[in-house]
């Protein structure tokens, strides 16, 4: 999770895929596509 200084609120998702490796429930997956 990242912090958005501009609105002083947490920025939950920035679509980086970092969380997929750390999801305790195993429900997140990163899928890359070409194009």
PDB file of N, CA and C in Angstrom:
ATOM      1  N   UNK A   1       0.848  -1.165   0.000  1.00  0.00           N
ATOM      2  CA  UNK A   1       0.000   0.000   0.000  1.00  0.00           C
ATOM      3  C   UNK A   1       0.896   1.230   0.000  1.00  0.00           C
ATOM      4  N   UNK A   2       0.487   2.221  -0.723  1.00  0.00           N
ATOM      5  CA  UNK A   2       1.240   3.458  -0.828  1.00  0.00           C
ATOM      6  C   UNK A   2       0.390   4.595  -0.278  1.00  0.00           C
ATOM      7  N   UNK A   3       1.031   5.676   0.080  1.00  0.00           N
ATOM      8  CA  UNK A   3       0.314   6.820   0.633  1.00  0.00           C
ATOM      9  C   UNK A   3       0.282   7.942  -0.386  1.00  0.00           C
ATOM     10  N   UNK A   4      -0.905   8.455  -0.679  1.00  0.00           N
ATOM     11  CA  UNK A   4      -1.078   9.564  -1.600  1.00  0.00           C
ATOM     12  C   UNK A   4      -1.005  10.858  -0.808  1.00  0.00           C
ATOM     13  N   UNK A   5       0.109  11.541  -0.905  1.00  0.00           N
ATOM     14  CA  UNK A   5       0.324  12.783  -0.157  1.00  0.00           C
ATOM     15  C   UNK A   5      -0.644  13.883  -0.586  1.00  0.00           C
ATOM     16  N   UNK A   6      -1.023  13.879  -1.849  1.00  0.00           N
ATOM     17  CA  UNK A   6      -1.868  14.944  -2.381  1.00  0.00           C
ATOM     18  C   UNK A   6      -3.250  14.971  -1.726  1.00  0.00           C
ATOM     19  N   UNK A   7      -3.844  13.811  -1.512  1.00  0.00           N
ATOM     20  CA  UNK A   7      -5.175  13.747  -0.898  1.00  0.00           C
ATOM     21  C   UNK A   7      -5.130  13.220   0.531  1.00  0.00           C
ATOM     22  N   UNK A   8      -3.926  12.906   1.005  1.00  0.00           N
ATOM     23  CA  UNK A   8      -3.703  12.415   2.363  1.00  0.00           C
ATOM     24  C   UNK A   8      -4.531  11.164   2.677  1.00  0.00           C
ATOM     25  N   UNK A   9      -4.523  10.229   1.711  1.00  0.00           N
ATOM     26  CA  UNK A   9      -5.246   8.969   1.864  1.00  0.00           C
ATOM     27  C   UNK A   9      -4.395   7.841   1.287  1.00  0.00           C
ATOM     28  N   UNK A  10      -4.670   6.622   1.722  1.00  0.00           N
ATOM     29  CA  UNK A  10      -3.922   5.499   1.157  1.00  0.00           C
ATOM     30  C   UNK A  10      -4.318   5.246  -0.294  1.00  0.00           C
ATOM     31  N   UNK A  11      -3.340   4.884  -1.079  1.00  0.00           N
ATOM     32  CA  UNK A  11      -3.566   4.506  -2.466  1.00  0.00           C
ATOM     33  C   UNK A  11      -3.416   2.992  -2.506  1.00  0.00           C
ATOM     34  N   UNK A  12      -4.511   2.292  -2.555  1.00  0.00           N
ATOM     35  CA  UNK A  12      -4.501   0.850  -2.394  1.00  0.00           C
ATOM     36  C   UNK A  12      -3.854   0.148  -3.586  1.00  0.00           C
ATOM     37  N   UNK A  13      -4.225   0.507  -4.782  1.00  0.00           N
ATOM     38  CA  UNK A  13      -3.721  -0.216  -5.953  1.00  0.00           C
ATOM     39  C   UNK A  13      -3.148   0.731  -6.992  1.00  0.00           C
ATOM     40  N   UNK A  14      -1.924   0.431  -7.425  1.00  0.00           N
ATOM     41  CA  UNK A  14      -1.332   1.187  -8.527  1.00  0.00           C
ATOM     42  C   UNK A  14      -0.999   0.251  -9.686  1.00  0.00           C
ATOM     43  N   UNK A  15      -1.605  -0.948  -9.680  1.00  0.00           N
ATOM     44  CA  UNK A  15      -1.477  -1.948 -10.745  1.00  0.00           C
ATOM     45  C   UNK A  15      -0.038  -2.369 -11.012  1.00  0.00           C
ATOM     46  N   UNK A  16       0.754  -2.497  -9.934  1.00  0.00           N
ATOM     47  CA  UNK A  16       2.152  -2.896 -10.102  1.00  0.00           C
ATOM     48  C   UNK A  16       2.353  -4.408 -10.001  1.00  0.00           C
ATOM     49  N   UNK A  17       1.400  -5.124  -9.392  1.00  0.00           N
ATOM     50  CA  UNK A  17       1.511  -6.572  -9.252  1.00  0.00           C
ATOM     51  C   UNK A  17       2.313  -7.042  -8.059  1.00  0.00           C
ATOM     52  N   UNK A  18       2.850  -6.119  -7.302  1.00  0.00           N
ATOM     53  CA  UNK A  18       3.682  -6.456  -6.145  1.00  0.00           C
ATOM     54  C   UNK A  18       2.927  -7.284  -5.113  1.00  0.00           C
ATOM     55  N   UNK A  19       1.665  -7.005  -4.939  1.00  0.00           N
ATOM     56  CA  UNK A  19       0.872  -7.669  -3.899  1.00  0.00           C
ATOM     57  C   UNK A  19       0.611  -9.139  -4.187  1.00  0.00           C
ATOM     58  N   UNK A  20       0.670  -9.554  -5.433  1.00  0.00           N
ATOM     59  CA  UNK A  20       0.349 -10.941  -5.787  1.00  0.00           C
ATOM     60  C   UNK A  20       1.247 -11.932  -5.064  1.00  0.00           C
ATOM     61  N   UNK A  21       2.488 -11.578  -4.836  1.00  0.00           N
ATOM     62  CA  UNK A  21       3.414 -12.470  -4.138  1.00  0.00           C
ATOM     63  C   UNK A  21       3.141 -12.543  -2.642  1.00  0.00           C
ATOM     64  N   UNK A  22       2.413 -11.604  -2.106  1.00  0.00           N
ATOM     65  CA  UNK A  22       2.229 -11.522  -0.663  1.00  0.00           C
ATOM     66  C   UNK A  22       0.793 -11.741  -0.201  1.00  0.00           C
ATOM     67  N   UNK A  23      -0.105 -12.074  -1.099  1.00  0.00           N
ATOM     68  CA  UNK A  23      -1.506 -12.280  -0.728  1.00  0.00           C
ATOM     69  C   UNK A  23      -1.629 -13.526   0.149  1.00  0.00           C
ATOM     70  N   UNK A  24      -2.108 -13.374   1.392  1.00  0.00           N
ATOM     71  CA  UNK A  24      -2.205 -14.525   2.288  1.00  0.00           C
ATOM     72  C   UNK A  24      -3.315 -15.496   1.901  1.00  0.00           C
ATOM     73  N   UNK A  25      -4.184 -15.091   0.997  1.00  0.00           N
ATOM     74  CA  UNK A  25      -5.305 -15.939   0.605  1.00  0.00           C
ATOM     75  C   UNK A  25      -5.068 -16.657  -0.721  1.00  0.00           C
ATOM     76  N   UNK A  26      -3.998 -16.290  -1.432  1.00  0.00           N
ATOM     77  CA  UNK A  26      -3.683 -16.930  -2.707  1.00  0.00           C
ATOM     78  C   UNK A  26      -4.680 -16.631  -3.809  1.00  0.00           C
ATOM     79  N   UNK A  27      -5.334 -15.492  -3.739  1.00  0.00           N
ATOM     80  CA  UNK A  27      -6.354 -15.177  -4.732  1.00  0.00           C
ATOM     81  C   UNK A  27      -5.893 -14.156  -5.779  1.00  0.00           C
ATOM     82  N   UNK A  28      -4.717 -13.587  -5.589  1.00  0.00           N
ATOM     83  CA  UNK A  28      -4.225 -12.600  -6.546  1.00  0.00           C
ATOM     84  C   UNK A  28      -3.224 -13.238  -7.488  1.00  0.00           C
ATOM     85  N   UNK A  29      -3.287 -12.834  -8.742  1.00  0.00           N
ATOM     86  CA  UNK A  29      -2.400 -13.382  -9.757  1.00  0.00           C
ATOM     87  C   UNK A  29      -2.082 -12.275 -10.755  1.00  0.00           C
ATOM     88  N   UNK A  30      -0.858 -12.252 -11.240  1.00  0.00           N
ATOM     89  CA  UNK A  30      -0.466 -11.277 -12.243  1.00  0.00           C
ATOM     90  C   UNK A  30      -0.414 -11.983 -13.586  1.00  0.00           C
ATOM     91  N   UNK A  31      -1.122 -11.443 -14.546  1.00  0.00           N
ATOM     92  CA  UNK A  31      -1.127 -12.007 -15.890  1.00  0.00           C
ATOM     93  C   UNK A  31      -0.636 -10.936 -16.850  1.00  0.00           C
ATOM     94  N   UNK A  32       0.416 -11.239 -17.574  1.00  0.00           N
ATOM     95  CA  UNK A  32       0.940 -10.280 -18.540  1.00  0.00           C
ATOM     96  C   UNK A  32       0.474 -10.676 -19.932  1.00  0.00           C
ATOM     97  N   UNK A  33       0.194  -9.677 -20.726  1.00  0.00           N
ATOM     98  CA  UNK A  33      -0.228  -9.908 -22.102  1.00  0.00           C
ATOM     99  C   UNK A  33       0.643  -9.089 -23.030  1.00  0.00           C
ATOM    100  N   UNK A  34       0.745  -9.513 -24.248  1.00  0.00           N
ATOM    101  CA  UNK A  34       1.525  -8.750 -25.223  1.00  0.00           C
ATOM    102  C   UNK A  34       0.586  -7.828 -25.982  1.00  0.00           C
ATOM    103  N   UNK A  35       1.153  -6.686 -26.388  1.00  0.00           N
ATOM    104  CA  UNK A  35       0.377  -5.791 -27.217  1.00  0.00           C
ATOM    105  C   UNK A  35      -0.225  -4.713 -26.496  1.00  0.00           C
TER     106      UNK A  35
END
